[in-house]
Every structure is written in C-alpha cells, then in structure tokens.
C-alpha cells in the first residue's frame, strides 16, 4: 500500500489517501497530479519547482484564505424572538381575520 497526495497546478492539496502500489497514478483525474506521501490539506501545500515536489506548511494567511467563511443570515432568515403573549396575540388576530373572511 502507498500513501498518496492529489494536488492541482497551484499546489492545492485536493485529497489524500492510500492505494495499492499499482494504482497510484490512477488517483489523479484530468488537471490533477499525484505524488507518494502524506500531508494535511488544511495546513500544507505542494511546492513545485521544476520536477521537484515538496510538502510545505501554509502561512497563516493562506490557511485563512482557504477557510470557508460563514455568512450572516439575511433579515428574512433571522430568527425572531417573541413572548408567549405576543404569540397568542398573533394567533388571535389570525383567527379573527379567518372569521371575517368566512363571514362569521
């Protein structure tokens, strides 16, 4: 068994794993490259100079740039906190509206 690293032309590690010795080259898809070894895709990258490939640690800025950002919910998606009294008042108003529509 061999440990492998699949990466792209920018050196970003796309996936890692293990495979049979004979299937190492099959791990890379179009536009991807594979090398033997192990790495952490969050904190490391592949450095490519000529034909030489090395695993380097990312800078703090690179790690932050690669980390997905959580977005703030839009106003329509925000939770609204109301009291039980306000909730009951809303239910009463809805009931009154339904009764008016039904001619009661």
N, C-alpha and C. Protein backbone atom coordinates (compact mmCIF):
# COMPACT_ATOMS: atom_id res chain seq x y z
N UNK A 1 0.84 -1.18 0.00
CA UNK A 1 0.00 0.00 0.00
C UNK A 1 0.89 1.25 0.00
N UNK A 2 0.40 2.28 -0.69
CA UNK A 2 1.11 3.56 -0.75
C UNK A 2 0.19 4.67 -0.28
N UNK A 3 0.74 5.61 0.46
CA UNK A 3 0.02 6.84 0.78
C UNK A 3 0.20 7.79 -0.39
N UNK A 4 -0.86 8.54 -0.71
CA UNK A 4 -0.76 9.46 -1.85
C UNK A 4 -1.36 10.81 -1.52
N UNK A 5 -0.94 11.78 -2.33
CA UNK A 5 -1.45 13.15 -2.26
C UNK A 5 -1.84 13.54 -3.68
N UNK A 6 -3.07 13.99 -3.86
CA UNK A 6 -3.51 14.51 -5.15
C UNK A 6 -3.59 16.03 -5.01
N UNK A 7 -3.01 16.75 -5.98
CA UNK A 7 -2.95 18.21 -5.91
C UNK A 7 -3.15 18.80 -7.30
N UNK A 8 -3.42 20.12 -7.34
CA UNK A 8 -3.62 20.77 -8.63
C UNK A 8 -2.38 21.57 -9.02
N UNK A 9 -2.45 22.29 -10.14
CA UNK A 9 -1.30 23.01 -10.67
C UNK A 9 -0.85 24.15 -9.75
N UNK A 10 -1.73 24.62 -8.87
CA UNK A 10 -1.37 25.68 -7.92
C UNK A 10 -0.77 25.12 -6.64
N UNK A 11 -0.72 23.81 -6.50
CA UNK A 11 -0.16 23.18 -5.31
C UNK A 11 -1.18 22.93 -4.21
N UNK A 12 -2.46 23.21 -4.49
CA UNK A 12 -3.51 22.96 -3.50
C UNK A 12 -3.75 21.46 -3.39
N UNK A 13 -3.72 20.95 -2.16
CA UNK A 13 -3.96 19.52 -1.95
C UNK A 13 -5.45 19.27 -2.03
N UNK A 14 -5.85 18.41 -2.95
CA UNK A 14 -7.27 18.13 -3.19
C UNK A 14 -7.77 16.96 -2.38
N UNK A 15 -6.93 15.95 -2.20
CA UNK A 15 -7.31 14.77 -1.41
C UNK A 15 -6.07 13.95 -1.12
N UNK A 16 -6.19 13.13 -0.10
CA UNK A 16 -5.11 12.22 0.29
C UNK A 16 -5.71 10.86 0.60
N UNK A 17 -4.88 9.84 0.66
CA UNK A 17 -5.38 8.51 0.98
C UNK A 17 -4.31 7.46 0.80
N UNK A 18 -4.77 6.22 0.74
CA UNK A 18 -3.86 5.10 0.47
C UNK A 18 -4.44 4.29 -0.68
N UNK A 19 -3.56 3.62 -1.39
CA UNK A 19 -3.99 2.79 -2.52
C UNK A 19 -2.98 1.66 -2.73
N UNK A 20 -3.34 0.75 -3.59
CA UNK A 20 -2.42 -0.30 -3.98
C UNK A 20 -1.27 0.34 -4.77
N UNK A 21 -0.10 -0.25 -4.67
CA UNK A 21 1.06 0.28 -5.38
C UNK A 21 0.78 0.48 -6.87
N UNK A 22 0.06 -0.46 -7.45
CA UNK A 22 -0.18 -0.44 -8.90
C UNK A 22 -1.21 0.61 -9.33
N UNK A 23 -1.93 1.20 -8.38
CA UNK A 23 -2.97 2.16 -8.77
C UNK A 23 -2.64 3.60 -8.38
N UNK A 24 -1.41 3.87 -8.00
CA UNK A 24 -1.03 5.22 -7.58
C UNK A 24 -1.36 6.25 -8.65
N UNK A 25 -0.94 6.02 -9.88
CA UNK A 25 -1.15 7.00 -10.95
C UNK A 25 -2.63 7.17 -11.32
N UNK A 26 -3.45 6.21 -10.97
CA UNK A 26 -4.89 6.29 -11.29
C UNK A 26 -5.65 7.21 -10.34
N UNK A 27 -5.02 7.68 -9.28
CA UNK A 27 -5.70 8.51 -8.29
C UNK A 27 -5.96 9.93 -8.80
N UNK A 28 -5.14 10.40 -9.74
CA UNK A 28 -5.30 11.76 -10.29
C UNK A 28 -6.25 11.75 -11.48
N UNK A 29 -7.12 12.75 -11.53
CA UNK A 29 -8.03 12.93 -12.66
C UNK A 29 -7.46 14.02 -13.57
N UNK A 30 -8.22 14.42 -14.59
CA UNK A 30 -7.77 15.47 -15.51
C UNK A 30 -7.39 16.73 -14.75
N UNK A 31 -6.25 17.31 -15.06
CA UNK A 31 -5.81 18.55 -14.43
C UNK A 31 -5.27 18.37 -13.02
N UNK A 32 -5.10 17.14 -12.59
CA UNK A 32 -4.59 16.85 -11.25
C UNK A 32 -3.27 16.09 -11.36
N UNK A 33 -2.53 16.12 -10.27
CA UNK A 33 -1.25 15.43 -10.19
C UNK A 33 -1.25 14.59 -8.92
N UNK A 34 -0.45 13.53 -8.91
CA UNK A 34 -0.38 12.66 -7.74
C UNK A 34 1.08 12.43 -7.38
N UNK A 35 1.32 12.34 -6.07
CA UNK A 35 2.65 12.00 -5.59
C UNK A 35 2.50 11.10 -4.39
N UNK A 36 3.52 10.34 -4.12
CA UNK A 36 3.51 9.47 -2.96
C UNK A 36 3.83 10.31 -1.72
N UNK A 37 3.13 10.04 -0.64
CA UNK A 37 3.39 10.74 0.61
C UNK A 37 2.10 11.00 1.37
N UNK A 38 2.22 11.72 2.47
CA UNK A 38 1.04 12.09 3.25
C UNK A 38 1.17 13.56 3.63
N UNK A 39 0.03 14.22 3.78
CA UNK A 39 0.01 15.64 4.09
C UNK A 39 -1.33 16.01 4.69
N UNK A 40 -1.41 17.19 5.26
CA UNK A 40 -2.64 17.75 5.81
C UNK A 40 -3.11 18.83 4.85
N UNK A 41 -4.25 18.62 4.20
CA UNK A 41 -4.72 19.56 3.19
C UNK A 41 -5.09 20.93 3.77
N UNK A 42 -5.34 21.03 5.07
CA UNK A 42 -5.70 22.30 5.68
C UNK A 42 -4.45 23.16 5.93
N UNK A 43 -3.38 22.54 6.39
CA UNK A 43 -2.21 23.31 6.82
C UNK A 43 -1.01 23.20 5.87
N UNK A 44 -1.12 22.37 4.83
CA UNK A 44 0.03 22.17 3.95
C UNK A 44 -0.35 22.32 2.49
N UNK A 45 0.67 22.47 1.66
CA UNK A 45 0.51 22.59 0.21
C UNK A 45 1.70 21.91 -0.45
N UNK A 46 1.58 21.72 -1.77
CA UNK A 46 2.68 21.13 -2.53
C UNK A 46 3.43 22.26 -3.23
N UNK A 47 4.73 22.30 -3.02
CA UNK A 47 5.58 23.28 -3.69
C UNK A 47 6.15 22.61 -4.93
N UNK A 48 6.05 23.30 -6.05
CA UNK A 48 6.52 22.73 -7.30
C UNK A 48 7.58 23.63 -7.91
N UNK A 49 8.80 23.15 -7.96
CA UNK A 49 9.87 23.89 -8.64
C UNK A 49 10.55 22.90 -9.58
N UNK A 50 10.39 23.14 -10.88
CA UNK A 50 10.90 22.20 -11.86
C UNK A 50 10.18 20.87 -11.72
N UNK A 51 10.92 19.79 -11.63
CA UNK A 51 10.30 18.47 -11.45
C UNK A 51 10.26 18.08 -9.98
N UNK A 52 10.82 18.93 -9.12
CA UNK A 52 10.86 18.64 -7.69
C UNK A 52 9.54 19.03 -7.03
N UNK A 53 9.04 18.16 -6.18
CA UNK A 53 7.80 18.40 -5.44
C UNK A 53 8.09 18.24 -3.96
N UNK A 54 7.69 19.23 -3.16
CA UNK A 54 7.88 19.15 -1.71
C UNK A 54 6.60 19.59 -1.01
N UNK A 55 6.40 19.08 0.18
CA UNK A 55 5.28 19.49 1.02
C UNK A 55 5.76 20.64 1.90
N UNK A 56 5.05 21.77 1.86
CA UNK A 56 5.38 22.93 2.67
C UNK A 56 4.19 23.28 3.56
N UNK A 57 4.47 23.92 4.68
CA UNK A 57 3.40 24.43 5.53
C UNK A 57 2.86 25.72 4.93
N UNK A 58 1.55 25.88 4.96
CA UNK A 58 0.93 27.12 4.51
C UNK A 58 1.18 28.21 5.55
N UNK A 59 1.16 29.45 5.09
CA UNK A 59 1.23 30.57 6.03
C UNK A 59 -0.15 30.73 6.68
N UNK A 60 -0.20 31.47 7.76
CA UNK A 60 -1.48 31.73 8.42
C UNK A 60 -2.45 32.42 7.46
N UNK A 61 -1.95 33.29 6.62
CA UNK A 61 -2.79 34.00 5.65
C UNK A 61 -3.37 33.03 4.62
N UNK A 62 -2.56 32.08 4.17
CA UNK A 62 -3.04 31.08 3.20
C UNK A 62 -4.12 30.19 3.83
N UNK A 63 -3.92 29.80 5.06
CA UNK A 63 -4.91 28.97 5.75
C UNK A 63 -6.22 29.73 5.88
N UNK A 64 -6.13 31.01 6.29
CA UNK A 64 -7.34 31.83 6.45
C UNK A 64 -8.04 32.02 5.12
N UNK A 65 -7.29 32.25 4.04
CA UNK A 65 -7.88 32.45 2.72
C UNK A 65 -8.59 31.19 2.22
N UNK A 66 -8.09 30.02 2.60
CA UNK A 66 -8.69 28.76 2.15
C UNK A 66 -9.86 28.30 3.02
N UNK A 67 -10.06 28.96 4.17
CA UNK A 67 -11.11 28.55 5.09
C UNK A 67 -12.43 29.19 4.67
N UNK A 68 -13.48 28.37 4.44
CA UNK A 68 -14.77 28.94 4.05
C UNK A 68 -15.30 29.88 5.13
N UNK A 69 -15.87 30.98 4.71
CA UNK A 69 -16.43 31.95 5.64
C UNK A 69 -17.93 31.68 5.82
N UNK A 70 -18.38 31.78 7.07
CA UNK A 70 -19.81 31.67 7.35
C UNK A 70 -20.43 33.03 7.11
N UNK A 71 -21.48 33.07 6.35
CA UNK A 71 -22.12 34.36 6.07
C UNK A 71 -23.22 34.62 7.09
N UNK A 72 -23.47 35.90 7.31
CA UNK A 72 -24.56 36.31 8.19
C UNK A 72 -25.88 35.99 7.50
N UNK A 73 -26.87 35.53 8.27
CA UNK A 73 -28.17 35.27 7.64
C UNK A 73 -28.81 36.58 7.19
N UNK A 74 -29.56 36.53 6.11
CA UNK A 74 -30.28 37.69 5.65
C UNK A 74 -31.45 37.94 6.60
N UNK A 75 -31.94 39.16 6.61
CA UNK A 75 -33.01 39.52 7.55
C UNK A 75 -34.19 38.55 7.47
N UNK A 76 -34.54 38.13 6.26
CA UNK A 76 -35.69 37.24 6.13
C UNK A 76 -35.43 35.86 6.74
N UNK A 77 -34.17 35.52 6.96
CA UNK A 77 -33.82 34.21 7.53
C UNK A 77 -33.52 34.27 9.02
N UNK A 78 -33.53 35.47 9.59
CA UNK A 78 -33.21 35.61 11.01
C UNK A 78 -34.35 35.08 11.88
N UNK A 79 -33.99 34.49 12.99
CA UNK A 79 -34.98 34.06 13.96
C UNK A 79 -35.54 35.28 14.67
N UNK A 80 -36.83 35.23 14.99
CA UNK A 80 -37.45 36.31 15.75
C UNK A 80 -37.86 35.76 17.10
N UNK A 81 -37.44 36.43 18.14
CA UNK A 81 -37.81 36.01 19.48
C UNK A 81 -39.01 36.84 19.94
N UNK A 82 -40.11 36.16 20.25
CA UNK A 82 -41.30 36.85 20.75
C UNK A 82 -41.76 36.15 22.02
N UNK A 83 -42.52 36.87 22.80
CA UNK A 83 -43.03 36.30 24.05
C UNK A 83 -44.25 35.43 23.77
N UNK A 84 -44.65 34.63 24.75
CA UNK A 84 -45.87 33.83 24.61
C UNK A 84 -47.08 34.72 24.41
N UNK A 85 -47.11 35.85 25.09
CA UNK A 85 -48.24 36.79 24.96
C UNK A 85 -48.32 37.33 23.54
N UNK A 86 -47.15 37.70 22.95
CA UNK A 86 -47.15 38.18 21.57
C UNK A 86 -47.58 37.07 20.60
N UNK A 87 -47.14 35.86 20.86
CA UNK A 87 -47.52 34.73 20.02
C UNK A 87 -49.03 34.50 20.07
N UNK A 88 -49.59 34.52 21.26
CA UNK A 88 -51.04 34.32 21.41
C UNK A 88 -51.81 35.45 20.73
N UNK A 89 -51.30 36.68 20.85
CA UNK A 89 -51.94 37.82 20.20
C UNK A 89 -51.97 37.63 18.68
N UNK A 90 -50.87 37.17 18.11
CA UNK A 90 -50.83 36.90 16.67
C UNK A 90 -51.83 35.82 16.27
N UNK A 91 -51.90 34.75 17.06
CA UNK A 91 -52.85 33.68 16.76
C UNK A 91 -54.29 34.19 16.82
N UNK A 92 -54.59 35.04 17.80
CA UNK A 92 -55.94 35.61 17.92
C UNK A 92 -56.26 36.49 16.72
N UNK A 93 -55.29 37.27 16.27
CA UNK A 93 -55.51 38.13 15.10
C UNK A 93 -55.73 37.31 13.84
N UNK A 94 -54.98 36.22 13.69
CA UNK A 94 -55.17 35.34 12.52
C UNK A 94 -56.55 34.72 12.55
N UNK A 95 -56.98 34.26 13.72
CA UNK A 95 -58.31 33.67 13.86
C UNK A 95 -59.38 34.69 13.50
N UNK A 96 -59.22 35.92 13.98
CA UNK A 96 -60.19 36.99 13.68
C UNK A 96 -60.25 37.26 12.18
N UNK A 97 -59.10 37.31 11.51
CA UNK A 97 -59.06 37.53 10.07
C UNK A 97 -59.76 36.40 9.31
N UNK A 98 -59.49 35.15 9.74
CA UNK A 98 -60.13 33.98 9.09
C UNK A 98 -61.63 34.04 9.28
N UNK A 99 -62.08 34.41 10.46
CA UNK A 99 -63.52 34.51 10.73
C UNK A 99 -64.17 35.59 9.88
N UNK A 100 -63.47 36.72 9.67
CA UNK A 100 -64.01 37.79 8.83
C UNK A 100 -64.11 37.35 7.38
N UNK A 101 -63.14 36.58 6.91
CA UNK A 101 -63.17 36.09 5.53
C UNK A 101 -64.28 35.07 5.32
N UNK A 102 -64.58 34.30 6.34
CA UNK A 102 -65.59 33.26 6.23
C UNK A 102 -66.98 33.79 6.58
N UNK A 103 -67.09 35.09 6.87
CA UNK A 103 -68.39 35.69 7.15
C UNK A 103 -68.96 35.34 8.51
N UNK A 104 -68.14 35.01 9.45
CA UNK A 104 -68.64 34.66 10.77
C UNK A 104 -68.73 35.87 11.65
